[in-house]
Structures are given as C-alpha cells and as structure tokens.
C-alpha atoms as a PDB file:
ATOM      1  CA  MET A   1      22.474  35.567 -32.497  1.00  0.00           C
ATOM      2  CA  ARG A   2      18.850  36.608 -31.915  1.00  0.00           C
ATOM      3  CA  ASN A   3      17.592  39.598 -33.846  1.00  0.00           C
ATOM      4  CA  PRO A   4      16.010  41.990 -31.313  1.00  0.00           C
ATOM      5  CA  PHE A   5      13.725  43.423 -34.016  1.00  0.00           C
ATOM      6  CA  THR A   6      12.093  40.095 -34.865  1.00  0.00           C
ATOM      7  CA  CYS A   7      12.288  38.054 -31.648  1.00  0.00           C
ATOM      8  CA  HIS A   8       9.139  39.459 -30.015  1.00  0.00           C
ATOM      9  CA  PRO A   9       6.998  39.568 -33.193  1.00  0.00           C
ATOM     10  CA  ARG A  10       7.960  35.962 -34.082  1.00  0.00           C
ATOM     11  CA  LYS A  11       7.041  34.802 -30.598  1.00  0.00           C
ATOM     12  CA  HIS A  12       3.524  36.045 -31.350  1.00  0.00           C
ATOM     13  CA  GLY A  13       3.403  34.674 -34.900  1.00  0.00           C
ATOM     14  CA  MET A  14       3.909  38.030 -36.635  1.00  0.00           C
ATOM     15  CA  THR A  15       6.434  39.485 -39.014  1.00  0.00           C
ATOM     16  CA  TYR A  16       8.275  42.637 -38.018  1.00  0.00           C
ATOM     17  CA  TRP A  17       6.234  44.718 -40.515  1.00  0.00           C
ATOM     18  CA  TYR A  18       2.894  43.254 -39.414  1.00  0.00           C
ATOM     19  CA  HIS A  19       3.790  43.959 -35.779  1.00  0.00           C
ATOM     20  CA  LEU A  20       4.869  47.498 -36.677  1.00  0.00           C
ATOM     21  CA  GLU A  21       1.548  48.212 -38.417  1.00  0.00           C
ATOM     22  CA  TYR A  22      -0.462  46.630 -35.589  1.00  0.00           C
ATOM     23  CA  ALA A  23       1.348  48.550 -32.846  1.00  0.00           C
ATOM     24  CA  MET A  24       1.319  51.886 -34.714  1.00  0.00           C
ATOM     25  CA  VAL A  25      -2.420  51.754 -35.427  1.00  0.00           C
ATOM     26  CA  LEU A  26      -3.067  51.028 -31.753  1.00  0.00           C
ATOM     27  CA  ALA A  27      -0.689  53.839 -30.743  1.00  0.00           C
ATOM     28  CA  MET A  28      -2.536  56.323 -32.968  1.00  0.00           C
ATOM     29  CA  LEU A  29      -5.881  55.176 -31.584  1.00  0.00           C
ATOM     30  CA  LEU A  30      -4.672  55.609 -28.001  1.00  0.00           C
ATOM     31  CA  ALA A  31      -3.128  59.024 -28.738  1.00  0.00           C
ATOM     32  CA  GLY A  32      -6.417  60.194 -30.206  1.00  0.00           C
ATOM     33  CA  LEU A  33      -8.260  58.810 -27.211  1.00  0.00           C
ATOM     34  CA  ALA A  34      -5.910  60.675 -24.856  1.00  0.00           C
ATOM     35  CA  PHE A  35      -6.732  63.924 -26.690  1.00  0.00           C
ATOM     36  CA  VAL A  36     -10.485  63.283 -26.532  1.00  0.00           C
ATOM     37  CA  THR A  37     -10.214  62.488 -22.813  1.00  0.00           C
ATOM     38  CA  ALA A  38      -8.288  65.713 -22.175  1.00  0.00           C
ATOM     39  CA  VAL A  39     -10.977  67.705 -23.999  1.00  0.00           C
ATOM     40  CA  HIS A  40     -13.621  65.948 -21.900  1.00  0.00           C
ATOM     41  CA  ALA A  41     -11.734  66.898 -18.721  1.00  0.00           C
ATOM     42  CA  VAL A  42     -12.069  70.594 -19.613  1.00  0.00           C
ATOM     43  CA  LEU A  43     -15.502  70.363 -21.268  1.00  0.00           C
ATOM     44  CA  PRO A  44     -17.401  67.631 -19.375  1.00  0.00           C
ATOM     45  CA  PHE A  45     -20.343  67.810 -21.784  1.00  0.00           C
ATOM     46  CA  ALA A  46     -18.100  66.897 -24.751  1.00  0.00           C
ATOM     47  CA  PHE A  47     -17.322  63.262 -25.540  1.00  0.00           C
ATOM     48  CA  GLU A  48     -19.272  62.059 -22.490  1.00  0.00           C
ATOM     49  CA  TYR A  49     -19.026  58.330 -23.259  1.00  0.00           C
ATOM     50  CA  THR A  50     -16.334  58.200 -25.934  1.00  0.00           C
ATOM     51  CA  THR A  51     -13.460  57.087 -23.692  1.00  0.00           C
ATOM     52  CA  SER A  52     -15.332  54.336 -21.854  1.00  0.00           C
ATOM     53  CA  ARG A  53     -16.937  52.979 -25.042  1.00  0.00           C
ATOM     54  CA  THR A  54     -13.633  52.999 -26.908  1.00  0.00           C
ATOM     55  CA  ILE A  55     -11.802  51.233 -24.081  1.00  0.00           C
ATOM     56  CA  ALA A  56     -14.532  48.561 -23.957  1.00  0.00           C
ATOM     57  CA  ARG A  57     -14.279  48.035 -27.753  1.00  0.00           C
ATOM     58  CA  LEU A  58     -10.497  47.944 -27.569  1.00  0.00           C
ATOM     59  CA  HIS A  59     -10.678  45.323 -24.817  1.00  0.00           C
ATOM     60  CA  ARG A  60     -12.978  43.127 -26.961  1.00  0.00           C
ATOM     61  CA  PHE A  61     -10.662  43.592 -29.951  1.00  0.00           C
ATOM     62  CA  LEU A  62      -7.483  42.680 -28.056  1.00  0.00           C
ATOM     63  CA  SER A  63      -9.208  39.784 -26.263  1.00  0.00           C
ATOM     64  CA  SER A  64     -10.192  38.262 -29.614  1.00  0.00           C
ATOM     65  CA  ARG A  65      -6.552  37.455 -30.388  1.00  0.00           C
ATOM     66  CA  LYS A  66      -5.623  33.775 -30.381  1.00  0.00           C
ATOM     67  CA  PRO A  67      -2.223  32.167 -29.812  1.00  0.00           C
ATOM     68  CA  PRO A  68      -0.095  31.623 -32.933  1.00  0.00           C
ATOM     69  CA  GLN A  69      -0.738  28.363 -34.782  1.00  0.00           C
ATOM     70  CA  GLU A  70       1.972  26.287 -36.421  1.00  0.00           C
ATOM     71  CA  ASN A  71       1.528  25.701 -40.164  1.00  0.00           C
ATOM     72  CA  SER A  72       2.364  22.424 -41.921  1.00  0.00           C
ATOM     73  CA  ASP A  73       5.771  23.898 -42.863  1.00  0.00           C
ATOM     74  CA  GLY A  74       6.584  24.473 -39.164  1.00  0.00           C
ATOM     75  CA  ARG A  75       6.209  28.257 -39.282  1.00  0.00           C
ATOM     76  CA  THR A  76       3.884  30.065 -36.921  1.00  0.00           C
ATOM     77  CA  GLN A  77       1.156  32.343 -38.141  1.00  0.00           C
ATOM     78  CA  ALA A  78      -0.600  35.021 -36.138  1.00  0.00           C
ATOM     79  CA  GLN A  79      -4.240  34.417 -35.360  1.00  0.00           C
ATOM     80  CA  VAL A  80      -4.867  38.064 -34.536  1.00  0.00           C
ATOM     81  CA  PRO A  81      -7.228  40.503 -36.196  1.00  0.00           C
ATOM     82  CA  ARG A  82      -5.602  43.276 -38.168  1.00  0.00           C
ATOM     83  CA  ALA A  83      -5.394  46.517 -36.235  1.00  0.00           C
ATOM     84  CA  THR A  84      -7.113  48.266 -39.130  1.00  0.00           C
ATOM     85  CA  ASP A  85     -10.139  45.978 -38.543  1.00  0.00           C
ATOM     86  CA  TYR A  86     -10.769  47.615 -35.168  1.00  0.00           C
ATOM     87  CA  GLN A  87     -14.407  48.701 -34.997  1.00  0.00           C
END
C-alpha cells in the first residue's frame, strides 16, 4: 500500500519532513507577499516594486531545481535548493 504522505515527496527525491519545511517556507513567503500586495493596493506608493521583484526572484529560485538523482544505493536524492536559501 502506498503511503499518501510520502508518495509525492519521494517522487521528487525528498523526505516528508524536507518537503514539509520546503512547502511551509514557501507558503509563509507567499502569505507575506499577499499582505504586502494588499497594502500596495490601498497605498500605491508603498511597496511599489516588492511584489514583482519577489515573484521574479521566486521564479529563479524554483527554476533552479533539478530532477532527483539516483545514488549508488538506488535511493533518490533531491537536487533542490533549501527553501531557507531563498534570496
């Protein structure tokens, strides 16, 4: 029987906990960006370029991921940057 908690992360060469950290950091980043964008909607002079710059950086970060590589022991390992490395 396939474990629904580990099937998707394994397919991408991650452990459940690594995937959880990666997804939660991205979720927090996007939630913060949604707040900043809402503030900008009301106050157009505030955060003028923050949303577009952050989306461009996020695109570069997510595009830098590589497919999982198989180790000599037959296990796959993620070739993705850590979400906490997002700059």
